[in-house]
Each structure stands twice: as C-alpha cells, then as structure tokens.
C-alpha atoms as a PDB file:
ATOM      1  CA  MET A   1       0.018   0.035   0.131  1.00  0.00           C
ATOM      2  CA  MET A   2       1.372   3.208  -1.039  1.00  0.00           C
ATOM      3  CA  LEU A   3       1.642   6.035   1.939  1.00  0.00           C
ATOM      4  CA  SER A   4       1.419   9.535   1.188  1.00  0.00           C
ATOM      5  CA  PHE A   5       4.778  11.396   2.388  1.00  0.00           C
ATOM      6  CA  PHE A   6       2.797  13.637   4.627  1.00  0.00           C
ATOM      7  CA  ASP A   7       1.699  10.442   6.745  1.00  0.00           C
ATOM      8  CA  GLN A   8       4.816  10.767   8.855  1.00  0.00           C
ATOM      9  CA  PHE A   9       3.606  14.241  10.270  1.00  0.00           C
ATOM     10  CA  MET A  10       0.207  12.864  11.358  1.00  0.00           C
ATOM     11  CA  SER A  11       0.056  12.860  15.266  1.00  0.00           C
ATOM     12  CA  PRO A  12      -0.111   9.016  16.063  1.00  0.00           C
ATOM     13  CA  THR A  13      -2.854   7.464  18.200  1.00  0.00           C
ATOM     14  CA  TYR A  14      -3.149   4.258  20.115  1.00  0.00           C
ATOM     15  CA  LEU A  15      -6.381   3.180  21.115  1.00  0.00           C
ATOM     16  CA  GLY A  16      -7.601   6.556  19.953  1.00  0.00           C
ATOM     17  CA  ILE A  17      -5.155   8.362  22.762  1.00  0.00           C
ATOM     18  CA  PRO A  18      -3.199  10.734  20.881  1.00  0.00           C
ATOM     19  CA  LEU A  19       0.372   9.786  21.664  1.00  0.00           C
ATOM     20  CA  ILE A  20       2.075  13.362  21.196  1.00  0.00           C
ATOM     21  CA  THR A  21       2.051  13.746  25.092  1.00  0.00           C
ATOM     22  CA  LEU A  22       3.942  10.688  25.639  1.00  0.00           C
ATOM     23  CA  ALA A  23       6.533  12.410  22.619  1.00  0.00           C
ATOM     24  CA  LEU A  24       6.729  15.337  25.077  1.00  0.00           C
ATOM     25  CA  VAL A  25       7.008  13.977  27.925  1.00  0.00           C
ATOM     26  CA  LEU A  26       9.991  11.573  26.958  1.00  0.00           C
ATOM     27  CA  PRO A  27      12.786  14.048  26.285  1.00  0.00           C
ATOM     28  CA  TRP A  28      13.151  15.130  29.468  1.00  0.00           C
ATOM     29  CA  ILE A  29      13.372  11.519  30.737  1.00  0.00           C
ATOM     30  CA  LEU A  30      16.390  11.146  29.062  1.00  0.00           C
ATOM     31  CA  PHE A  31      18.290  14.386  30.522  1.00  0.00           C
ATOM     32  CA  PRO A  32      20.976  13.147  33.172  1.00  0.00           C
ATOM     33  CA  THR A  33      19.777  14.489  36.890  1.00  0.00           C
ATOM     34  CA  PRO A  34      22.454  16.883  38.842  1.00  0.00           C
ATOM     35  CA  THR A  35      23.946  15.231  41.715  1.00  0.00           C
ATOM     36  CA  ALA A  36      24.965  16.918  44.877  1.00  0.00           C
ATOM     37  CA  ARG A  37      28.508  15.482  44.327  1.00  0.00           C
ATOM     38  CA  TRP A  38      31.542  17.906  43.759  1.00  0.00           C
ATOM     39  CA  LEU A  39      32.563  16.098  40.799  1.00  0.00           C
ATOM     40  CA  ASN A  40      30.028  15.017  37.964  1.00  0.00           C
ATOM     41  CA  ASN A  41      30.576  12.895  35.345  1.00  0.00           C
ATOM     42  CA  ARG A  42      31.488  14.182  31.896  1.00  0.00           C
ATOM     43  CA  LEU A  43      27.877  14.138  30.247  1.00  0.00           C
ATOM     44  CA  LEU A  44      26.589  16.552  33.264  1.00  0.00           C
ATOM     45  CA  THR A  45      29.627  18.604  33.007  1.00  0.00           C
ATOM     46  CA  LEU A  46      28.908  19.435  29.193  1.00  0.00           C
ATOM     47  CA  GLN A  47      25.211  19.766  30.249  1.00  0.00           C
ATOM     48  CA  SER A  48      26.001  22.375  32.642  1.00  0.00           C
ATOM     49  CA  TRP A  49      28.593  24.110  30.386  1.00  0.00           C
ATOM     50  CA  PHE A  50      26.033  24.321  27.631  1.00  0.00           C
ATOM     51  CA  ILE A  51      23.510  26.068  29.775  1.00  0.00           C
ATOM     52  CA  SER A  52      25.668  28.479  31.156  1.00  0.00           C
ATOM     53  CA  ARG A  53      27.356  29.307  28.086  1.00  0.00           C
ATOM     54  CA  PHE A  54      24.033  29.529  26.069  1.00  0.00           C
ATOM     55  CA  THR A  55      22.056  31.844  29.307  1.00  0.00           C
ATOM     56  CA  ASN A  56      25.420  33.800  29.211  1.00  0.00           C
ATOM     57  CA  GLN A  57      25.459  34.647  25.365  1.00  0.00           C
ATOM     58  CA  LEU A  58      21.763  35.114  25.262  1.00  0.00           C
ATOM     59  CA  LEU A  59      21.247  37.567  28.402  1.00  0.00           C
ATOM     60  CA  LEU A  60      24.581  39.318  28.094  1.00  0.00           C
ATOM     61  CA  PRO A  61      22.846  42.478  26.196  1.00  0.00           C
ATOM     62  CA  MET A  62      19.363  42.129  28.307  1.00  0.00           C
ATOM     63  CA  SER A  63      18.993  44.037  31.191  1.00  0.00           C
ATOM     64  CA  PRO A  64      18.998  42.260  34.766  1.00  0.00           C
ATOM     65  CA  ALA A  65      14.951  42.645  34.698  1.00  0.00           C
ATOM     66  CA  GLY A  66      15.099  40.254  31.917  1.00  0.00           C
ATOM     67  CA  HIS A  67      17.557  37.476  33.627  1.00  0.00           C
ATOM     68  CA  LYS A  68      14.680  36.010  35.465  1.00  0.00           C
ATOM     69  CA  TRP A  69      13.577  34.312  32.023  1.00  0.00           C
ATOM     70  CA  ALA A  70      17.016  32.502  32.156  1.00  0.00           C
ATOM     71  CA  LEU A  71      15.569  29.342  33.575  1.00  0.00           C
ATOM     72  CA  LEU A  72      12.819  29.464  30.899  1.00  0.00           C
ATOM     73  CA  PHE A  73      14.922  30.150  27.957  1.00  0.00           C
ATOM     74  CA  ALA A  74      16.954  27.352  28.786  1.00  0.00           C
ATOM     75  CA  SER A  75      14.881  24.839  29.341  1.00  0.00           C
ATOM     76  CA  LEU A  76      12.736  25.758  26.284  1.00  0.00           C
ATOM     77  CA  MET A  77      16.041  25.542  24.275  1.00  0.00           C
ATOM     78  CA  LEU A  78      16.914  22.060  25.674  1.00  0.00           C
ATOM     79  CA  PHE A  79      13.287  21.040  24.921  1.00  0.00           C
ATOM     80  CA  LEU A  80      13.123  22.135  21.265  1.00  0.00           C
ATOM     81  CA  ILE A  81      16.590  20.608  20.338  1.00  0.00           C
ATOM     82  CA  SER A  82      15.519  17.251  22.310  1.00  0.00           C
ATOM     83  CA  LEU A  83      12.387  17.020  20.081  1.00  0.00           C
ATOM     84  CA  ASN A  84      14.113  17.853  16.720  1.00  0.00           C
ATOM     85  CA  MET A  85      16.928  15.685  17.236  1.00  0.00           C
ATOM     86  CA  LEU A  86      14.518  12.593  18.102  1.00  0.00           C
ATOM     87  CA  GLY A  87      12.462  13.355  15.593  1.00  0.00           C
ATOM     88  CA  LEU A  88      15.528  12.431  12.891  1.00  0.00           C
ATOM     89  CA  LEU A  89      15.439   8.766  14.312  1.00  0.00           C
ATOM     90  CA  PRO A  90      13.554   6.291  12.793  1.00  0.00           C
ATOM     91  CA  TYR A  91      10.287   5.631  13.150  1.00  0.00           C
ATOM     92  CA  THR A  92       9.872   8.598  15.630  1.00  0.00           C
ATOM     93  CA  PHE A  93       6.998  11.530  15.406  1.00  0.00           C
ATOM     94  CA  THR A  94       8.314  15.106  15.736  1.00  0.00           C
ATOM     95  CA  PRO A  95       6.008  17.440  17.523  1.00  0.00           C
ATOM     96  CA  THR A  96       7.537  20.327  16.297  1.00  0.00           C
ATOM     97  CA  THR A  97       6.506  19.996  12.722  1.00  0.00           C
ATOM     98  CA  GLN A  98       2.865  20.491  14.225  1.00  0.00           C
ATOM     99  CA  LEU A  99       2.228  24.104  13.622  1.00  0.00           C
ATOM    100  CA  SER A 100      -0.731  23.831  16.464  1.00  0.00           C
ATOM    101  CA  LEU A 101       2.452  23.067  19.216  1.00  0.00           C
ATOM    102  CA  ASN A 102       4.398  25.377  17.896  1.00  0.00           C
ATOM    103  CA  MET A 103       2.257  28.386  17.701  1.00  0.00           C
ATOM    104  CA  GLY A 104       1.268  27.133  21.455  1.00  0.00           C
ATOM    105  CA  LEU A 105       4.741  27.681  22.128  1.00  0.00           C
ATOM    106  CA  ALA A 106       5.230  30.913  20.222  1.00  0.00           C
ATOM    107  CA  VAL A 107       1.945  32.882  21.232  1.00  0.00           C
ATOM    108  CA  PRO A 108       1.877  32.847  24.826  1.00  0.00           C
ATOM    109  CA  LEU A 109       5.434  33.525  25.307  1.00  0.00           C
ATOM    110  CA  TRP A 110       5.143  36.435  22.704  1.00  0.00           C
ATOM    111  CA  LEU A 111       2.204  37.626  24.605  1.00  0.00           C
ATOM    112  CA  ALA A 112       4.206  37.534  27.875  1.00  0.00           C
ATOM    113  CA  THR A 113       6.891  40.046  26.492  1.00  0.00           C
ATOM    114  CA  VAL A 114       4.332  42.161  25.033  1.00  0.00           C
ATOM    115  CA  ILE A 115       2.435  42.550  28.683  1.00  0.00           C
ATOM    116  CA  ILE A 116       5.777  42.540  30.509  1.00  0.00           C
ATOM    117  CA  GLY A 117       6.077  46.336  28.278  1.00  0.00           C
ATOM    118  CA  MET A 118       2.968  47.258  28.412  1.00  0.00           C
ATOM    119  CA  ARG A 119       3.228  47.041  32.486  1.00  0.00           C
ATOM    120  CA  TYR A 120       6.438  48.463  32.985  1.00  0.00           C
ATOM    121  CA  GLN A 121       7.451  50.823  30.303  1.00  0.00           C
ATOM    122  CA  PRO A 122       4.384  51.514  28.173  1.00  0.00           C
ATOM    123  CA  THR A 123       5.917  54.639  26.470  1.00  0.00           C
ATOM    124  CA  ALA A 124       8.977  52.798  25.375  1.00  0.00           C
ATOM    125  CA  SER A 125       6.753  49.746  24.154  1.00  0.00           C
ATOM    126  CA  LEU A 126       4.601  51.875  22.333  1.00  0.00           C
ATOM    127  CA  GLY A 127       7.308  54.085  20.953  1.00  0.00           C
ATOM    128  CA  HIS A 128       8.368  50.858  18.988  1.00  0.00           C
ATOM    129  CA  LEU A 129       5.361  51.144  16.902  1.00  0.00           C
ATOM    130  CA  LEU A 130       6.692  54.588  15.402  1.00  0.00           C
ATOM    131  CA  PRO A 131      10.207  55.415  14.653  1.00  0.00           C
ATOM    132  CA  GLU A 132      11.691  58.721  15.320  1.00  0.00           C
ATOM    133  CA  GLY A 133      11.929  61.255  12.777  1.00  0.00           C
ATOM    134  CA  THR A 134       9.144  59.886  10.789  1.00  0.00           C
ATOM    135  CA  PRO A 135       7.287  62.591   8.925  1.00  0.00           C
ATOM    136  CA  VAL A 136       3.868  63.763   9.722  1.00  0.00           C
ATOM    137  CA  PRO A 137       1.973  62.315   6.632  1.00  0.00           C
ATOM    138  CA  LEU A 138       3.418  58.792   7.347  1.00  0.00           C
ATOM    139  CA  ILE A 139       2.734  58.317  10.820  1.00  0.00           C
ATOM    140  CA  PRO A 140      -0.846  56.654  10.646  1.00  0.00           C
ATOM    141  CA  VAL A 141       0.663  54.360   7.848  1.00  0.00           C
ATOM    142  CA  LEU A 142       3.614  53.527  10.004  1.00  0.00           C
ATOM    143  CA  ILE A 143       1.709  52.594  13.063  1.00  0.00           C
ATOM    144  CA  ILE A 144      -0.774  50.222  11.244  1.00  0.00           C
ATOM    145  CA  ILE A 145       2.615  48.429   9.512  1.00  0.00           C
ATOM    146  CA  GLU A 146       4.261  48.210  12.513  1.00  0.00           C
ATOM    147  CA  THR A 147       1.019  47.220  14.667  1.00  0.00           C
ATOM    148  CA  ILE A 148       0.851  44.290  11.920  1.00  0.00           C
ATOM    149  CA  SER A 149       4.347  43.356  12.037  1.00  0.00           C
ATOM    150  CA  LEU A 150       3.776  43.069  15.765  1.00  0.00           C
ATOM    151  CA  PHE A 151       1.298  40.957  15.615  1.00  0.00           C
ATOM    152  CA  ILE A 152       2.779  38.932  12.888  1.00  0.00           C
ATOM    153  CA  ARG A 153       5.926  38.007  15.282  1.00  0.00           C
ATOM    154  CA  PRO A 154       4.452  34.764  16.866  1.00  0.00           C
ATOM    155  CA  LEU A 155       2.838  33.635  13.359  1.00  0.00           C
ATOM    156  CA  ALA A 156       6.679  33.549  12.025  1.00  0.00           C
ATOM    157  CA  LEU A 157       7.754  32.021  14.967  1.00  0.00           C
ATOM    158  CA  GLY A 158       5.849  28.780  14.545  1.00  0.00           C
ATOM    159  CA  VAL A 159       5.689  29.009  10.621  1.00  0.00           C
ATOM    160  CA  ARG A 160       9.739  29.233  10.780  1.00  0.00           C
ATOM    161  CA  LEU A 161      10.114  25.962  12.995  1.00  0.00           C
ATOM    162  CA  THR A 162       7.348  23.903  11.187  1.00  0.00           C
ATOM    163  CA  ALA A 163       8.438  24.668   7.542  1.00  0.00           C
ATOM    164  CA  ASN A 164      12.227  24.136   8.107  1.00  0.00           C
ATOM    165  CA  LEU A 165      11.524  21.211   9.986  1.00  0.00           C
ATOM    166  CA  THR A 166       8.742  19.838   7.522  1.00  0.00           C
ATOM    167  CA  ALA A 167      10.822  20.401   4.177  1.00  0.00           C
ATOM    168  CA  GLY A 168      14.107  18.917   5.991  1.00  0.00           C
ATOM    169  CA  HIS A 169      11.826  15.613   6.491  1.00  0.00           C
ATOM    170  CA  LEU A 170      10.238  15.893   3.324  1.00  0.00           C
ATOM    171  CA  LEU A 171      13.681  15.716   1.539  1.00  0.00           C
ATOM    172  CA  ILE A 172      14.967  12.748   3.765  1.00  0.00           C
ATOM    173  CA  GLN A 173      11.847  10.921   2.876  1.00  0.00           C
ATOM    174  CA  LEU A 174      12.120  11.571  -1.127  1.00  0.00           C
ATOM    175  CA  ILE A 175      15.962  10.994  -1.154  1.00  0.00           C
ATOM    176  CA  ALA A 176      15.660   7.751   0.768  1.00  0.00           C
ATOM    177  CA  THR A 177      12.765   6.711  -1.216  1.00  0.00           C
ATOM    178  CA  ALA A 178      14.526   7.277  -4.520  1.00  0.00           C
ATOM    179  CA  ALA A 179      18.013   5.425  -3.039  1.00  0.00           C
ATOM    180  CA  PHE A 180      15.679   2.358  -2.239  1.00  0.00           C
ATOM    181  CA  VAL A 181      14.150   2.440  -6.219  1.00  0.00           C
ATOM    182  CA  LEU A 182      17.277   2.889  -7.707  1.00  0.00           C
ATOM    183  CA  LEU A 183      19.458   0.406  -6.060  1.00  0.00           C
ATOM    184  CA  PRO A 184      18.103  -2.636  -8.065  1.00  0.00           C
ATOM    185  CA  LEU A 185      18.062  -0.623 -11.202  1.00  0.00           C
ATOM    186  CA  MET A 186      21.319   1.469 -10.979  1.00  0.00           C
ATOM    187  CA  PRO A 187      23.496   0.638  -7.923  1.00  0.00           C
ATOM    188  CA  THR A 188      26.254   3.223  -8.737  1.00  0.00           C
ATOM    189  CA  VAL A 189      23.404   5.999  -8.878  1.00  0.00           C
ATOM    190  CA  ALA A 190      21.671   4.917  -5.464  1.00  0.00           C
ATOM    191  CA  ILE A 191      25.225   4.755  -3.764  1.00  0.00           C
ATOM    192  CA  LEU A 192      25.627   8.158  -4.733  1.00  0.00           C
ATOM    193  CA  THR A 193      21.927   9.228  -3.752  1.00  0.00           C
ATOM    194  CA  THR A 194      23.071   7.691  -0.374  1.00  0.00           C
ATOM    195  CA  THR A 195      26.009   9.661   0.048  1.00  0.00           C
ATOM    196  CA  LEU A 196      23.679  12.448  -0.394  1.00  0.00           C
ATOM    197  CA  LEU A 197      20.932  11.392   2.371  1.00  0.00           C
ATOM    198  CA  PHE A 198      23.904  11.405   4.734  1.00  0.00           C
ATOM    199  CA  LEU A 199      25.205  14.295   3.926  1.00  0.00           C
ATOM    200  CA  LEU A 200      21.561  15.763   4.247  1.00  0.00           C
ATOM    201  CA  THR A 201      21.037  14.036   7.379  1.00  0.00           C
ATOM    202  CA  LEU A 202      23.906  15.857   8.782  1.00  0.00           C
ATOM    203  CA  LEU A 203      22.638  18.927   7.710  1.00  0.00           C
ATOM    204  CA  GLU A 204      19.181  18.181   9.172  1.00  0.00           C
ATOM    205  CA  VAL A 205      20.994  17.493  12.721  1.00  0.00           C
ATOM    206  CA  ALA A 206      22.452  21.152  12.264  1.00  0.00           C
ATOM    207  CA  VAL A 207      19.248  22.473  11.283  1.00  0.00           C
ATOM    208  CA  ALA A 208      17.662  20.844  14.102  1.00  0.00           C
ATOM    209  CA  MET A 209      19.638  22.858  16.559  1.00  0.00           C
ATOM    210  CA  ILE A 210      19.951  26.005  14.773  1.00  0.00           C
ATOM    211  CA  GLN A 211      16.096  26.162  14.466  1.00  0.00           C
ATOM    212  CA  ALA A 212      15.740  25.707  18.496  1.00  0.00           C
ATOM    213  CA  TYR A 213      18.401  28.471  18.764  1.00  0.00           C
ATOM    214  CA  VAL A 214      16.632  30.973  16.496  1.00  0.00           C
ATOM    215  CA  PHE A 215      13.348  30.663  18.281  1.00  0.00           C
ATOM    216  CA  VAL A 216      14.629  31.130  21.497  1.00  0.00           C
ATOM    217  CA  LEU A 217      16.842  34.113  20.509  1.00  0.00           C
ATOM    218  CA  LEU A 218      14.170  35.636  18.537  1.00  0.00           C
ATOM    219  CA  LEU A 219      12.103  35.536  21.907  1.00  0.00           C
ATOM    220  CA  SER A 220      14.986  37.267  23.601  1.00  0.00           C
ATOM    221  CA  LEU A 221      15.187  39.957  21.291  1.00  0.00           C
ATOM    222  CA  TYR A 222      11.427  40.383  21.654  1.00  0.00           C
ATOM    223  CA  LEU A 223      11.945  40.660  25.613  1.00  0.00           C
ATOM    224  CA  GLN A 224      14.813  42.875  25.169  1.00  0.00           C
ATOM    225  CA  GLU A 225      12.507  45.332  23.446  1.00  0.00           C
ATOM    226  CA  ASN A 226      10.415  45.500  26.509  1.00  0.00           C
ATOM    227  CA  VAL A 227      12.672  45.088  29.681  1.00  0.00           C
END
C-alpha cells in the first residue's frame, strides 16, 4: 500500500489516544539529573557548560530585569533541541512539525513579553510602533504597518520552525525513497544518492539545533525590547 509523504507528520494514536503527549514528556527523561557531588561525570559537566554558555550569550545584552527568564529560555532551548533531534531517528514522530504545537509555544511567550512591556514601560513599548523622525503624513501608515508586524511575530516564530523541519523531513524521505528504488536498477547512482542522504542528514542535525536556537533567540530579542 502506497503511503503519502505527509503521513509521517500525522500525530500517532493508540486506542484513540493521541501519543503526542508521550512524545513531549519523553525528552525530559533522557536528561541526566544533577547530583550533590562535587565532581560530576562528563555528560553532566557538558550539559552544565552548554547551559551556562547559552544563557550567558543570550542574556548578556539584556538588562537585569530580563535575567529572570534565564531558566525558561534554557529549558525551552533544551526541549526544542531534544524534540528536533529525536525526530530524526527512524520510526519516530516529531511534535515540532505540528504548527499547532509551535504556535502554542510562540503565542503565550510573545504575549508575555508584550504584556511585560506594556506594564512596566508602556511609553517605550508603544514608541517602537513609530520610528523617530517619521514625517507627519506617514505616521498613521507606519503605525498600522508596525502594529501588523508586531502581531505577525508569533506566527513567524511558529511557521519558521514548522516549515524548516517539515521541509527537511520531506527531503530525507524523498531521497531515501529514490535510493531504495534505484538500488536494483542503477547501483552506482543509488550509492551516490545514499551519500547525498547521509550529508543531508548531517545538515538536518544542524538545522534541528539552529532552529531551536533561533526560536529562543528571537524570543529574547522581543523581551529585550520590553524590559
């Protein structure tokens, strides 16, 4: 039976129960738990170094008021990287290819940054809607354009993550199918296609990490405008 290439993005169910919840909870089990010992193993040391470097780079240009978000940003970064990387394994499901999940992450976090700005510094937050030195006839048009761009931000966050991961998975499946079909007909071409598939898989590993970083980085930039 021929299956559609998009069947891999369908949320799996068992006895009518969606298994996306299991896919979201499973990554947290894989992380090593810190201990009270003075010396940790290599995996814990690497994890601690990565989190400290990431939070330092992300929060360095931000005011101290935004440092409260360090735990949230670090947790979200590890969560997205885990989901994206686990989705590259065979016979797995990638929850971050679902636009509903990505929008569920993007909209509340974006809205939180906007509410913080409106609460603590409303003048500066509203000032972003009108650049300094704008000619008077262009003021209404620019305010409308900036307002639209403000509300498009969460949509861009969710769509960017979904589109990049979906495109990568489709390319991998297309090239893998081509290599499987060409193997009995043209073995040399099949070997070259398999080599291309291996290189594309390495690229997808990089994309999985980069897209998680870009998602959190853009959220930090939105927060930086409002604190």
